[in-house]
Amino acid sequence: MEIKVFFIGVIMGTYAYFAGKLIKGKEYRNQTKCAVWHGLFWACAAGIIFLMLTVNFDNGQTSGIWHFVNRFKLVLWPALTLSAWTIGFFSVRRRDEKRIEKALKNDLEWAETIYPVMIIGGIFMYFLFQGFRIPSGSMKNTLLIGDHLFVNKFIYGTRVPFTENRILKLRAVSRGDVIVFKFPSKSPAESYCGSSQYGRDFIKRVIGLPGETVELRNGRVFINGTELAETYTRFVDTERIPFSSANLPYESFSAVWAGRQLGNIYGEAIRDNFGPVIVPSGTYFAMGDNRDRSCDSRFWGPVPEENIKGKASSIFWPPTRIGSLDVSASKVSKETPD
């Protein structure tokens, strides 16, 4: 999304440059030319509005109107911008010079205000921090639906634009980090946890590191055979789901899991009793704190390091929940489970 913000800023800045030259040349008598440029401003404005709508999908919101917008965005985007251009074009077509001059100067004023904000905002979001909205209850009670977070995007290294490479890494991903990442799906046709997760941003907690063996026994997590002490988990079901992979050799179980098909084969059966599996190099095992209601690495495999966007650092909305995130029990929400 940050790249969209940046390029809209560039487009608006380009418009401001040429519109300024048009106004400076006082070409108001050329009504068609002026109408075209006024229409272009309206089209840019419509593009910004559409971008704001798609932020909901980038943050994982896929229900209602947002699902419709994302599904048909390749049609809606050009249709919206073309409609806006048409309205802008005919709003000043065949108007007097004073009205055309006023319209173009208003366009230029708005463009000169918007484009630096969009460009700087896009750079800030790409390299430093980005906002993220919690779309589901998979991280209760640590994070609640509707919480808005700042995601630290430079702590694991600054991403080189248009590559998967990172530089200036401050520290490595650690167990217990709450991370935001792009779901590791390569095609919209792939289905996980009952639907396509392609292109969505997920937020989960890092549980297993590269090379470690992860296993769940009756909901309890074991790392390399030792139980992991967890103070942040939430269980809403009173009974655990029994499961045995005895009929599937250890190597096959781990391979099917790394190939992201385990959940499609066993479904909820592996929720509480899972593994063991070895986390591949360059990947992480991530789980939601709300263990009985989380679509996570148990079902769709490891999280590649290159998919990680950053570490969730603090809640900035709603006001009653403003504060930094921490893996300690003292920072976990005290909300009573449903």
Protein backbone atom coordinates (compact mmCIF):
# COMPACT_ATOMS: atom_id res chain seq x y z
CA MET A 1 0.00 0.00 0.00
CA GLU A 2 2.89 2.35 0.74
CA ILE A 3 4.05 2.04 -2.88
CA LYS A 4 0.56 3.06 -4.06
CA VAL A 5 0.70 6.13 -1.81
CA PHE A 6 4.13 7.09 -3.14
CA PHE A 7 3.21 6.79 -6.82
CA ILE A 8 -0.05 8.68 -6.40
CA GLY A 9 2.06 11.44 -4.85
CA VAL A 10 4.39 11.36 -7.86
CA ILE A 11 1.43 11.54 -10.26
CA MET A 12 -0.10 14.44 -8.33
CA GLY A 13 3.27 16.21 -8.26
CA THR A 14 3.63 15.77 -12.02
CA TYR A 15 0.15 17.20 -12.45
CA ALA A 16 1.04 20.20 -10.28
CA TYR A 17 4.13 20.90 -12.39
CA PHE A 18 2.32 20.93 -15.75
CA ALA A 19 -0.82 22.61 -14.41
CA GLY A 20 1.39 25.37 -13.03
CA LYS A 21 2.90 25.92 -16.45
CA LEU A 22 -0.59 25.99 -17.98
CA ILE A 23 -1.74 28.64 -15.52
CA LYS A 24 1.46 30.64 -15.92
CA GLY A 25 0.91 30.70 -19.68
CA LYS A 26 -2.68 31.92 -19.14
CA GLU A 27 -4.05 29.48 -21.72
CA TYR A 28 -7.62 29.86 -20.49
CA ARG A 29 -9.00 30.52 -23.95
CA ASN A 30 -8.17 26.94 -24.94
CA GLN A 31 -11.23 25.52 -23.20
CA THR A 32 -10.66 21.93 -24.32
CA LYS A 33 -7.08 21.84 -23.07
CA CYS A 34 -8.08 23.36 -19.72
CA ALA A 35 -11.00 20.96 -19.39
CA VAL A 36 -8.69 18.00 -19.99
CA TRP A 37 -6.37 19.13 -17.19
CA HIS A 38 -9.26 19.80 -14.82
CA GLY A 39 -10.52 16.30 -15.57
CA LEU A 40 -7.08 14.88 -14.81
CA PHE A 41 -7.17 16.44 -11.37
CA TRP A 42 -10.55 14.87 -10.68
CA ALA A 43 -9.23 11.50 -11.87
CA CYS A 44 -6.24 11.79 -9.50
CA ALA A 45 -8.56 12.69 -6.62
CA ALA A 46 -10.73 9.66 -7.42
CA GLY A 47 -7.62 7.48 -7.41
CA ILE A 48 -6.74 8.69 -3.93
CA ILE A 49 -10.26 7.93 -2.68
CA PHE A 50 -10.07 4.43 -4.16
CA LEU A 51 -6.69 3.95 -2.49
CA MET A 52 -8.20 4.80 0.87
CA LEU A 53 -10.87 2.15 0.27
CA THR A 54 -8.32 -0.53 -0.61
CA VAL A 55 -6.42 0.14 2.63
CA ASN A 56 -9.10 -1.99 4.30
CA PHE A 57 -8.17 -4.97 2.15
CA ASP A 58 -4.45 -4.42 2.68
CA ASN A 59 -5.16 -4.61 6.40
CA GLY A 60 -7.00 -7.89 6.04
CA GLN A 61 -10.60 -6.68 5.87
CA THR A 62 -12.35 -8.96 3.37
CA SER A 63 -16.01 -8.75 4.30
CA GLY A 64 -18.90 -6.72 2.94
CA ILE A 65 -18.13 -3.77 0.69
CA TRP A 66 -14.36 -4.22 1.10
CA HIS A 67 -14.50 -7.74 -0.31
CA PHE A 68 -16.49 -6.40 -3.28
CA VAL A 69 -14.02 -3.56 -3.86
CA ASN A 70 -11.01 -5.90 -3.79
CA ARG A 71 -12.62 -8.52 -5.99
CA PHE A 72 -13.48 -6.06 -8.75
CA LYS A 73 -10.73 -3.48 -8.23
CA LEU A 74 -9.24 -4.00 -11.71
CA VAL A 75 -12.59 -2.88 -13.12
CA LEU A 76 -13.57 -0.36 -10.45
CA TRP A 77 -10.30 1.60 -10.51
CA PRO A 78 -10.39 2.61 -14.22
CA ALA A 79 -14.17 3.03 -14.14
CA LEU A 80 -13.96 5.40 -11.17
CA THR A 81 -11.09 7.46 -12.57
CA LEU A 82 -12.67 7.68 -16.03
CA SER A 83 -15.98 8.79 -14.52
CA ALA A 84 -14.21 11.41 -12.40
CA TRP A 85 -12.28 12.68 -15.44
CA THR A 86 -15.52 12.99 -17.42
CA ILE A 87 -17.19 14.97 -14.64
CA GLY A 88 -14.17 17.25 -14.30
CA PHE A 89 -13.94 17.76 -18.06
CA PHE A 90 -17.53 18.80 -18.59
CA SER A 91 -17.70 20.89 -15.41
CA VAL A 92 -15.52 23.60 -17.03
CA ARG A 93 -16.14 22.88 -20.71
CA ARG A 94 -17.65 25.91 -22.43
CA ARG A 95 -17.22 28.09 -19.35
CA ASP A 96 -15.90 31.65 -19.24
CA GLU A 97 -12.20 32.30 -18.71
CA LYS A 98 -12.58 33.50 -15.12
CA ARG A 99 -14.36 30.32 -14.08
CA ILE A 100 -11.77 28.16 -15.83
CA GLU A 101 -8.93 30.11 -14.20
CA LYS A 102 -10.49 29.73 -10.74
CA ALA A 103 -11.01 25.97 -11.22
CA LEU A 104 -7.41 25.38 -12.37
CA LYS A 105 -5.93 27.46 -9.59
CA ASN A 106 -7.96 25.52 -7.03
CA ASP A 107 -6.71 22.28 -8.60
CA LEU A 108 -3.12 23.47 -8.39
CA GLU A 109 -3.49 24.54 -4.78
CA TRP A 110 -4.85 21.15 -3.79
CA ALA A 111 -2.22 19.29 -5.83
CA GLU A 112 0.65 21.26 -4.27
CA THR A 113 -0.76 20.45 -0.83
CA ILE A 114 -1.36 16.76 -1.46
CA TYR A 115 1.65 15.54 -3.43
CA PRO A 116 4.42 16.19 -0.87
CA VAL A 117 2.27 14.60 1.85
CA MET A 118 1.71 11.49 -0.27
CA ILE A 119 5.35 11.17 -1.30
CA ILE A 120 6.72 11.68 2.20
CA GLY A 121 3.99 9.44 3.63
CA GLY A 122 4.81 6.66 1.16
CA ILE A 123 8.51 6.82 2.02
CA PHE A 124 7.75 6.89 5.76
CA MET A 125 5.45 3.88 5.47
CA TYR A 126 7.87 1.90 3.32
CA PHE A 127 10.97 2.39 5.44
CA LEU A 128 9.85 3.27 8.98
CA PHE A 129 6.31 2.76 10.31
CA GLN A 130 2.96 1.70 8.90
CA GLY A 131 -0.51 1.57 10.39
CA PHE A 132 -2.33 -1.76 10.67
CA ARG A 133 -5.88 -2.58 11.79
CA ILE A 134 -6.67 -5.84 13.58
CA PRO A 135 -9.33 -7.54 11.41
CA SER A 136 -10.02 -10.69 13.42
CA GLY A 137 -9.95 -12.17 16.91
CA SER A 138 -6.99 -14.51 16.36
CA MET A 139 -4.74 -12.47 18.67
CA LYS A 140 -7.17 -12.04 21.61
CA ASN A 141 -6.66 -11.01 24.31
CA THR A 142 -3.37 -9.35 23.41
CA LEU A 143 -4.93 -7.55 20.45
CA LEU A 144 -8.63 -6.96 19.88
CA ILE A 145 -10.68 -6.53 16.71
CA GLY A 146 -10.52 -2.88 15.67
CA ASP A 147 -7.20 -2.11 17.39
CA HIS A 148 -4.99 0.12 15.24
CA LEU A 149 -1.23 -0.48 15.50
CA PHE A 150 2.02 1.02 14.43
CA VAL A 151 4.23 -1.56 12.73
CA ASN A 152 7.99 -1.00 13.04
CA LYS A 153 9.33 -1.75 9.56
CA PHE A 154 13.03 -1.02 10.09
CA ILE A 155 13.79 -3.10 13.19
CA TYR A 156 14.45 -6.23 11.10
CA GLY A 157 16.31 -4.23 8.46
CA THR A 158 15.37 -1.64 5.86
CA ARG A 159 14.01 -3.25 2.72
CA VAL A 160 15.73 -2.27 -0.53
CA PRO A 161 12.97 -1.03 -2.88
CA PHE A 162 11.66 -3.58 -5.42
CA THR A 163 13.77 -6.38 -3.89
CA GLU A 164 13.51 -8.79 -0.96
CA ASN A 165 16.91 -7.68 0.40
CA ARG A 166 17.30 -5.87 3.73
CA ILE A 167 20.07 -3.63 5.02
CA LEU A 168 20.86 -1.97 8.36
CA LYS A 169 19.23 -4.72 10.39
CA LEU A 170 18.86 -3.68 14.04
CA ARG A 171 18.11 -7.19 15.30
CA ALA A 172 16.86 -10.57 14.19
CA VAL A 173 13.30 -11.84 14.54
CA SER A 174 12.92 -13.27 18.06
CA ARG A 175 10.56 -15.69 19.69
CA GLY A 176 7.59 -13.82 21.14
CA ASP A 177 7.69 -11.00 18.56
CA VAL A 178 4.28 -10.05 17.21
CA ILE A 179 4.87 -9.67 13.49
CA VAL A 180 2.90 -8.44 10.49
CA PHE A 181 3.56 -10.34 7.28
CA LYS A 182 2.21 -10.94 3.83
CA PHE A 183 0.44 -14.29 3.73
CA PRO A 184 2.71 -16.87 2.04
CA SER A 185 0.38 -17.75 -0.84
CA LYS A 186 1.44 -17.44 -4.46
CA SER A 187 -1.96 -17.66 -6.11
CA PRO A 188 -5.51 -16.45 -5.40
CA ALA A 189 -6.65 -19.96 -6.35
CA GLU A 190 -4.98 -21.45 -3.25
CA SER A 191 -7.34 -21.98 -0.34
CA TYR A 192 -6.35 -22.06 3.33
CA CYS A 193 -8.61 -22.20 6.37
CA GLY A 194 -11.62 -22.34 4.08
CA SER A 195 -10.87 -19.45 1.74
CA SER A 196 -8.20 -17.67 -0.30
CA GLN A 197 -5.77 -15.66 1.84
CA TYR A 198 -3.77 -14.37 -1.12
CA GLY A 199 -2.45 -10.82 -0.75
CA ARG A 200 -3.66 -10.39 2.82
CA ASP A 201 -1.58 -9.09 5.71
CA PHE A 202 -1.55 -11.35 8.77
CA ILE A 203 -0.49 -10.63 12.33
CA LYS A 204 0.74 -13.47 14.57
CA ARG A 205 3.28 -14.21 17.28
CA VAL A 206 6.60 -15.88 16.46
CA ILE A 207 6.76 -19.24 18.24
CA GLY A 208 9.37 -21.33 16.40
CA LEU A 209 12.67 -20.16 14.93
CA PRO A 210 14.58 -21.59 11.93
CA GLY A 211 15.93 -25.08 12.59
CA GLU A 212 13.82 -25.68 15.72
CA THR A 213 11.46 -28.59 16.21
CA VAL A 214 7.92 -27.51 17.06
CA GLU A 215 5.26 -29.79 18.51
CA LEU A 216 1.86 -29.30 20.18
CA ARG A 217 0.51 -31.72 22.77
CA ASN A 218 -3.02 -31.03 23.96
CA GLY A 219 -2.59 -27.37 23.13
CA ARG A 220 0.78 -26.96 24.84
CA VAL A 221 3.74 -25.92 22.71
CA PHE A 222 7.06 -27.77 22.87
CA ILE A 223 10.25 -26.39 21.31
CA ASN A 224 12.98 -28.99 20.80
CA GLY A 225 11.16 -31.21 23.30
CA THR A 226 10.89 -28.57 26.06
CA GLU A 227 7.56 -26.98 26.89
CA LEU A 228 7.36 -23.28 26.06
CA ALA A 229 6.26 -21.04 28.94
CA GLU A 230 3.45 -18.84 27.58
CA THR A 231 1.50 -16.19 29.50
CA TYR A 232 -0.37 -14.66 26.57
CA THR A 233 -2.43 -17.58 25.24
CA ARG A 234 -6.23 -17.79 25.26
CA PHE A 235 -8.30 -20.97 25.00
CA VAL A 236 -12.06 -20.75 24.55
CA ASP A 237 -12.91 -24.44 24.13
CA THR A 238 -12.99 -26.66 27.20
CA GLU A 239 -11.85 -29.80 25.39
CA ARG A 240 -8.78 -30.52 23.27
CA ILE A 241 -9.03 -32.26 19.89
CA PRO A 242 -7.22 -35.64 19.88
CA PHE A 243 -5.00 -36.43 16.89
CA SER A 244 -2.31 -38.93 16.02
CA SER A 245 -0.01 -38.80 13.02
CA ALA A 246 1.17 -42.36 13.64
CA ASN A 247 -0.06 -43.37 10.21
CA LEU A 248 2.10 -40.69 8.60
CA PRO A 249 5.90 -40.99 8.96
CA TYR A 250 7.66 -38.10 10.71
CA GLU A 251 9.52 -37.04 7.55
CA SER A 252 6.32 -37.09 5.50
CA PHE A 253 4.37 -35.12 8.11
CA SER A 254 7.03 -32.39 8.20
CA ALA A 255 7.32 -32.30 4.40
CA VAL A 256 3.55 -32.00 3.89
CA TRP A 257 3.47 -29.21 6.48
CA ALA A 258 6.36 -27.32 4.80
CA GLY A 259 4.50 -27.75 1.50
CA ARG A 260 1.52 -25.91 3.08
CA GLN A 261 -0.97 -28.74 2.62
CA LEU A 262 -1.30 -30.13 6.13
CA GLY A 263 -4.30 -28.03 7.07
CA ASN A 264 -6.08 -28.87 3.82
CA ILE A 265 -5.63 -32.58 4.60
CA TYR A 266 -6.39 -32.72 8.34
CA GLY A 267 -8.26 -29.46 9.01
CA GLU A 268 -9.07 -28.74 12.66
CA ALA A 269 -7.77 -32.18 13.69
CA ILE A 270 -4.24 -30.78 14.07
CA ARG A 271 -5.26 -27.77 16.15
CA ASP A 272 -4.22 -29.10 19.57
CA ASN A 273 -1.94 -32.03 18.72
CA PHE A 274 0.51 -31.20 15.98
CA GLY A 275 3.89 -32.26 14.70
CA PRO A 276 6.66 -32.52 15.40
CA VAL A 277 7.96 -30.47 12.47
CA ILE A 278 11.29 -28.79 11.82
CA VAL A 279 11.05 -25.10 10.89
CA PRO A 280 12.94 -24.67 7.57
CA SER A 281 15.87 -22.28 7.29
CA GLY A 282 14.82 -18.68 6.64
CA THR A 283 11.29 -19.22 7.94
CA TYR A 284 9.34 -18.95 11.22
CA PHE A 285 6.50 -20.78 12.95
CA ALA A 286 3.82 -18.22 13.89
CA MET A 287 0.63 -18.66 15.90
CA GLY A 288 -2.24 -16.50 17.11
CA ASP A 289 -2.60 -16.00 20.86
CA ASN A 290 -6.26 -17.05 20.61
CA ARG A 291 -5.22 -20.63 19.95
CA ASP A 292 -8.67 -22.15 19.36
CA ARG A 293 -9.64 -19.45 16.83
CA SER A 294 -6.49 -18.81 14.84
CA CYS A 295 -5.59 -19.67 11.25
CA ASP A 296 -1.82 -19.91 11.60
CA SER A 297 1.33 -21.91 10.82
CA ARG A 298 -0.23 -25.10 12.10
CA PHE A 299 -2.51 -25.10 9.06
CA TRP A 300 -0.62 -23.33 6.28
CA GLY A 301 3.05 -23.78 7.05
CA PRO A 302 6.02 -21.55 7.87
CA VAL A 303 6.35 -17.78 7.36
CA PRO A 304 9.23 -16.89 4.98
CA GLU A 305 11.45 -14.14 6.37
CA GLU A 306 11.07 -12.10 3.19
CA ASN A 307 7.30 -11.94 3.79
CA ILE A 308 7.70 -10.23 7.16
CA LYS A 309 6.85 -6.52 6.98
CA GLY A 310 7.72 -5.56 10.53
CA LYS A 311 7.12 -5.87 14.25
CA ALA A 312 3.93 -4.60 15.86
CA SER A 313 5.16 -1.93 18.27
CA SER A 314 2.22 -0.02 19.78
CA ILE A 315 -1.53 0.51 19.74
CA PHE A 316 -2.58 4.04 18.79
CA TRP A 317 -6.36 3.56 18.62
CA PRO A 318 -8.81 3.34 20.39
CA PRO A 319 -7.71 5.79 23.10
CA THR A 320 -8.52 3.36 25.92
CA ARG A 321 -5.95 0.89 24.56
CA ILE A 322 -3.10 3.22 23.60
CA GLY A 323 0.24 1.76 24.62
CA SER A 324 3.21 -0.35 23.55
CA LEU A 325 3.03 -4.09 22.98
CA ASP A 326 4.95 -6.47 25.19
CA VAL A 327 5.12 -10.25 25.46
CA SER A 328 4.91 -10.13 29.24
CA ALA A 329 1.67 -10.99 31.01
CA SER A 330 1.43 -7.50 32.48
CA LYS A 331 0.83 -6.06 29.00
CA VAL A 332 -1.78 -8.57 27.91
CA SER A 333 -5.39 -7.36 27.79
CA LYS A 334 -7.39 -8.29 30.87
CA GLU A 335 -10.60 -8.65 28.89
CA THR A 336 -12.72 -11.58 30.07
CA PRO A 337 -12.80 -14.39 27.46
CA ASP A 338 -16.04 -14.84 25.53
